[in-house]
Amino acid sequence: MGRDLTDSVVVLAGASGGLGTAIGAELADQGAHLTLLGRSSERLLALDLAGPRVVGDLADAATGERAVAAALEAYGRIDGIVNAAGEVAFGPLADTSDDTLDRLVASNLLGPLRLVRAALPHLGGGFVVNISAVVAEQPPAGMAAYAATKAALTAASVSLRRELRRQRIDVIDVRPPHTETGLAQRPLAGEAPPLGPGLAPADAAARIVRAIIAGEREVGAVDFDEAGSHQSAGT
């Protein structure tokens, strides 16, 4: 039986990013009510989406709690979490600073886990979507730290799926191929390698929301067959 997203309440982290914006539009088209979390107040305010805005950095331990509180204040419940926030860095590990390492772990792993933890008391029967990346499957040279955080998020999703089974919470691990979100052009460090054309964010978002409705356990890079671009880069 599919999940009906009509009138569902979803906290969307990374709502001001390229993929997050597209996911928000797709969820809204399905009738979901959104709480929009992002780092850029300007981009959040510019979104043509209804729902409370929470400006904050998911790497900050308190941000997830603020987003959950905003959703509960606006709607009285939470039915789903989508973690679409993240950052990327390029270059050999030997050239990667401690600040970059810490930032990648905080943004790509600790932030999403803290948001899920904050939402769990209110999420019975709901869903969690953690957006990892193709690098979790195919870690390339020059992206050791980034790939490690994405692989760790995938591992966390598998563990959480088992942990939350009795609460009937779906946990979906999503590993998109290279997607044209602009993230690779805004790295914390280094420069992106040459990349071919990536998946359109709207196509990636449509596939992710279909997975939520169908209750899929994972969506690997190969499952995004609309674009056929599985470059080793971030979303």
Protein backbone atom coordinates (compact mmCIF):
# COMPACT_ATOMS: atom_id res chain seq x y z
CA MET A 1 0.00 0.00 0.00
CA GLY A 2 1.38 3.39 -0.95
CA ARG A 3 1.82 6.33 1.37
CA ASP A 4 -0.57 9.21 0.79
CA LEU A 5 1.29 12.50 1.26
CA THR A 6 -1.87 14.60 1.21
CA ASP A 7 -1.89 16.76 4.37
CA SER A 8 1.29 15.11 5.64
CA VAL A 9 3.73 17.27 7.62
CA VAL A 10 7.33 17.14 6.44
CA VAL A 11 10.45 18.84 7.77
CA LEU A 12 12.76 19.49 4.82
CA ALA A 13 16.41 20.20 5.66
CA GLY A 14 18.39 21.84 2.88
CA ALA A 15 15.26 23.47 1.50
CA SER A 16 17.22 26.40 0.08
CA GLY A 17 19.58 24.15 -1.93
CA GLY A 18 19.14 23.02 -5.52
CA LEU A 19 17.88 19.54 -4.74
CA GLY A 20 16.02 20.54 -1.58
CA THR A 21 14.05 23.22 -3.43
CA ALA A 22 12.99 20.68 -6.05
CA ILE A 23 12.01 18.14 -3.40
CA GLY A 24 9.96 20.79 -1.62
CA ALA A 25 8.08 21.61 -4.81
CA GLU A 26 7.39 17.92 -5.47
CA LEU A 27 6.18 17.31 -1.90
CA ALA A 28 3.93 20.38 -2.09
CA ASP A 29 2.46 19.09 -5.36
CA GLN A 30 1.58 15.90 -3.50
CA GLY A 31 -0.27 17.93 -0.86
CA ALA A 32 2.33 17.91 1.92
CA HIS A 33 2.69 20.70 4.47
CA LEU A 34 6.31 21.79 4.80
CA THR A 35 8.65 23.21 7.39
CA LEU A 36 11.59 24.60 5.42
CA LEU A 37 15.06 24.56 6.95
CA GLY A 38 18.05 26.15 5.24
CA ARG A 39 21.16 28.24 5.78
CA SER A 40 20.23 31.07 3.41
CA SER A 41 17.48 33.36 4.66
CA GLU A 42 17.35 35.09 1.29
CA ARG A 43 16.78 31.87 -0.64
CA LEU A 44 14.32 30.54 1.92
CA LEU A 45 12.22 33.69 1.70
CA ALA A 46 12.31 33.53 -2.10
CA LEU A 47 10.89 30.00 -2.24
CA ASP A 48 7.42 29.75 -3.73
CA LEU A 49 6.39 27.29 -1.04
CA ALA A 50 4.10 27.60 1.96
CA GLY A 51 5.19 26.77 5.48
CA PRO A 52 7.35 28.11 8.29
CA ARG A 53 10.96 28.97 7.50
CA VAL A 54 13.78 28.04 9.87
CA VAL A 55 17.08 29.71 9.07
CA GLY A 56 19.97 27.76 10.51
CA ASP A 57 22.99 25.61 9.93
CA LEU A 58 22.30 21.90 10.33
CA ALA A 59 25.87 21.54 11.61
CA ASP A 60 24.70 23.47 14.70
CA ALA A 61 23.38 20.96 17.23
CA ALA A 62 20.37 23.12 18.10
CA THR A 63 19.13 23.68 14.55
CA GLY A 64 17.33 20.36 14.17
CA GLU A 65 15.51 20.93 17.45
CA ARG A 66 14.39 24.37 16.28
CA ALA A 67 13.06 22.92 13.02
CA VAL A 68 11.10 20.23 14.86
CA ALA A 69 9.69 22.82 17.26
CA ALA A 70 8.59 25.02 14.35
CA ALA A 71 6.79 22.13 12.66
CA LEU A 72 5.00 21.17 15.86
CA GLU A 73 3.99 24.75 16.53
CA ALA A 74 2.61 25.18 13.01
CA TYR A 75 0.96 21.79 12.49
CA GLY A 76 0.91 19.91 15.80
CA ARG A 77 2.64 16.83 14.41
CA ILE A 78 5.41 15.54 12.12
CA ASP A 79 4.97 12.79 9.53
CA GLY A 80 8.31 12.89 7.73
CA ILE A 81 11.88 14.14 7.68
CA VAL A 82 13.91 14.74 4.52
CA ASN A 83 17.62 15.39 4.98
CA ALA A 84 18.72 17.13 1.77
CA ALA A 85 21.39 19.38 3.30
CA GLY A 86 25.10 18.83 2.83
CA GLU A 87 28.48 20.17 1.78
CA VAL A 88 31.32 18.87 -0.37
CA ALA A 89 35.10 19.16 -0.53
CA PHE A 90 37.64 18.00 -3.10
CA GLY A 91 41.31 17.15 -2.94
CA PRO A 92 43.70 14.62 -1.41
CA LEU A 93 43.28 13.83 2.26
CA ALA A 94 46.83 15.05 2.88
CA ASP A 95 45.73 18.53 1.81
CA THR A 96 42.44 18.54 3.74
CA SER A 97 42.39 20.74 6.84
CA ASP A 98 40.94 19.80 10.20
CA ASP A 99 38.34 22.54 9.78
CA THR A 100 37.18 20.99 6.50
CA LEU A 101 37.07 17.49 8.00
CA ASP A 102 35.08 18.70 10.98
CA ARG A 103 32.69 20.67 8.81
CA LEU A 104 31.97 17.73 6.48
CA VAL A 105 31.21 15.41 9.38
CA ALA A 106 29.03 17.99 11.12
CA SER A 107 27.05 18.96 8.00
CA ASN A 108 26.72 15.60 6.25
CA LEU A 109 26.41 13.19 9.16
CA LEU A 110 25.91 14.67 12.62
CA GLY A 111 23.38 17.30 11.53
CA PRO A 112 21.05 14.85 9.78
CA LEU A 113 21.27 12.38 12.67
CA ARG A 114 20.49 15.09 15.22
CA LEU A 115 17.48 16.22 13.22
CA VAL A 116 16.15 12.66 13.07
CA ARG A 117 16.79 12.19 16.79
CA ALA A 118 14.87 15.37 17.61
CA ALA A 119 11.92 14.27 15.47
CA LEU A 120 11.68 10.63 16.61
CA PRO A 121 9.35 11.21 19.60
CA HIS A 122 6.81 12.71 17.16
CA LEU A 123 7.32 10.43 14.15
CA GLY A 124 5.53 7.15 14.80
CA GLY A 125 4.42 5.62 11.51
CA GLY A 126 6.21 8.30 9.51
CA PHE A 127 9.27 8.34 7.29
CA VAL A 128 12.87 9.51 7.16
CA VAL A 129 14.73 10.19 3.91
CA ASN A 130 18.50 10.54 4.17
CA ILE A 131 20.12 11.74 0.97
CA SER A 132 23.57 10.24 0.66
CA ALA A 133 25.34 10.17 -2.74
CA VAL A 134 26.76 7.90 -5.41
CA VAL A 135 30.17 8.28 -3.73
CA ALA A 136 28.88 6.01 -0.96
CA GLU A 137 28.83 3.26 -3.61
CA GLN A 138 31.79 4.34 -5.74
CA PRO A 139 34.26 6.38 -3.63
CA PRO A 140 36.62 8.24 -5.97
CA ALA A 141 40.15 9.47 -5.34
CA GLY A 142 40.32 13.00 -4.03
CA MET A 143 37.07 12.81 -2.07
CA ALA A 144 37.95 10.54 0.86
CA ALA A 145 36.41 12.69 3.58
CA TYR A 146 33.24 13.56 1.67
CA ALA A 147 32.71 9.97 0.54
CA ALA A 148 33.24 8.76 4.09
CA THR A 149 30.52 11.03 5.46
CA LYS A 150 28.07 9.92 2.77
CA ALA A 151 28.88 6.24 3.29
CA ALA A 152 28.40 6.75 7.02
CA LEU A 153 24.98 8.31 6.43
CA THR A 154 24.01 5.32 4.30
CA ALA A 155 25.14 2.97 7.09
CA ALA A 156 23.15 4.98 9.62
CA SER A 157 20.04 4.70 7.45
CA VAL A 158 20.34 0.91 7.27
CA SER A 159 20.77 0.70 11.03
CA LEU A 160 17.89 3.09 11.71
CA ARG A 161 15.61 1.11 9.41
CA ARG A 162 16.10 -1.93 11.63
CA GLU A 163 15.98 0.09 14.83
CA LEU A 164 12.71 1.84 13.97
CA ARG A 165 10.89 -1.07 12.34
CA ARG A 166 8.57 -1.67 15.30
CA GLN A 167 7.59 1.99 15.23
CA ARG A 168 6.61 1.52 11.59
CA ILE A 169 8.91 4.33 10.47
CA ASP A 170 10.19 3.99 6.91
CA VAL A 171 13.85 4.92 6.52
CA ILE A 172 14.93 5.49 2.92
CA ASP A 173 18.58 5.69 1.91
CA VAL A 174 18.91 7.73 -1.30
CA ARG A 175 22.19 7.79 -3.26
CA PRO A 176 21.73 10.09 -6.26
CA PRO A 177 24.20 10.32 -9.13
CA HIS A 178 25.78 13.66 -9.95
CA THR A 179 22.94 16.17 -9.97
CA GLU A 180 23.03 19.74 -11.29
CA THR A 181 22.46 21.48 -7.96
CA GLY A 182 25.52 23.74 -8.07
CA LEU A 183 26.98 22.10 -4.95
CA ALA A 184 30.15 21.05 -6.78
CA GLN A 185 30.76 24.70 -7.65
CA ARG A 186 30.62 25.68 -3.94
CA PRO A 187 33.09 23.31 -2.27
CA LEU A 188 34.53 23.85 1.17
CA ALA A 189 37.95 23.15 -0.32
CA GLY A 190 39.55 22.14 -3.60
CA GLU A 191 38.07 22.12 -7.08
CA ALA A 192 35.63 19.69 -8.64
CA PRO A 193 37.00 17.30 -11.25
CA PRO A 194 35.59 17.52 -14.78
CA LEU A 195 31.99 16.34 -14.68
CA GLY A 196 29.64 15.34 -17.43
CA PRO A 197 26.01 16.47 -17.54
CA GLY A 198 24.20 15.63 -14.33
CA LEU A 199 20.66 14.74 -13.41
CA ALA A 200 18.13 17.59 -13.35
CA PRO A 201 17.10 18.36 -9.74
CA ALA A 202 13.41 18.11 -10.68
CA ASP A 203 13.93 14.59 -12.03
CA ALA A 204 15.87 13.55 -8.93
CA ALA A 205 13.18 15.02 -6.68
CA ALA A 206 10.39 13.23 -8.52
CA ARG A 207 12.19 9.92 -8.10
CA ILE A 208 12.78 10.53 -4.39
CA VAL A 209 9.15 11.41 -3.72
CA ARG A 210 8.02 8.32 -5.63
CA ALA A 211 10.19 6.30 -3.28
CA ILE A 212 8.50 7.89 -0.26
CA ILE A 213 5.05 7.10 -1.62
CA ALA A 214 6.02 3.52 -2.47
CA GLY A 215 7.81 2.94 0.85
CA GLU A 216 11.06 1.92 -0.83
CA ARG A 217 14.02 1.08 1.42
CA GLU A 218 16.71 2.55 -0.80
CA VAL A 219 17.21 4.35 -4.08
CA GLY A 220 20.68 3.73 -5.45
CA ALA A 221 22.40 5.70 -8.18
CA VAL A 222 21.39 3.16 -10.80
CA ASP A 223 17.73 3.67 -9.85
CA PHE A 224 17.88 7.25 -11.14
CA ASP A 225 17.75 5.92 -14.67
CA GLU A 226 16.00 8.98 -16.12
CA ALA A 227 19.34 10.78 -16.57
CA GLY A 228 21.89 7.99 -16.84
CA SER A 229 24.68 10.13 -15.42
CA HIS A 230 26.41 8.38 -12.51
CA GLN A 231 29.43 10.58 -12.11
CA SER A 232 31.38 10.36 -8.84
CA ALA A 233 30.38 13.71 -7.42
CA GLY A 234 28.16 15.17 -4.76
CA THR A 235 24.51 15.99 -5.05
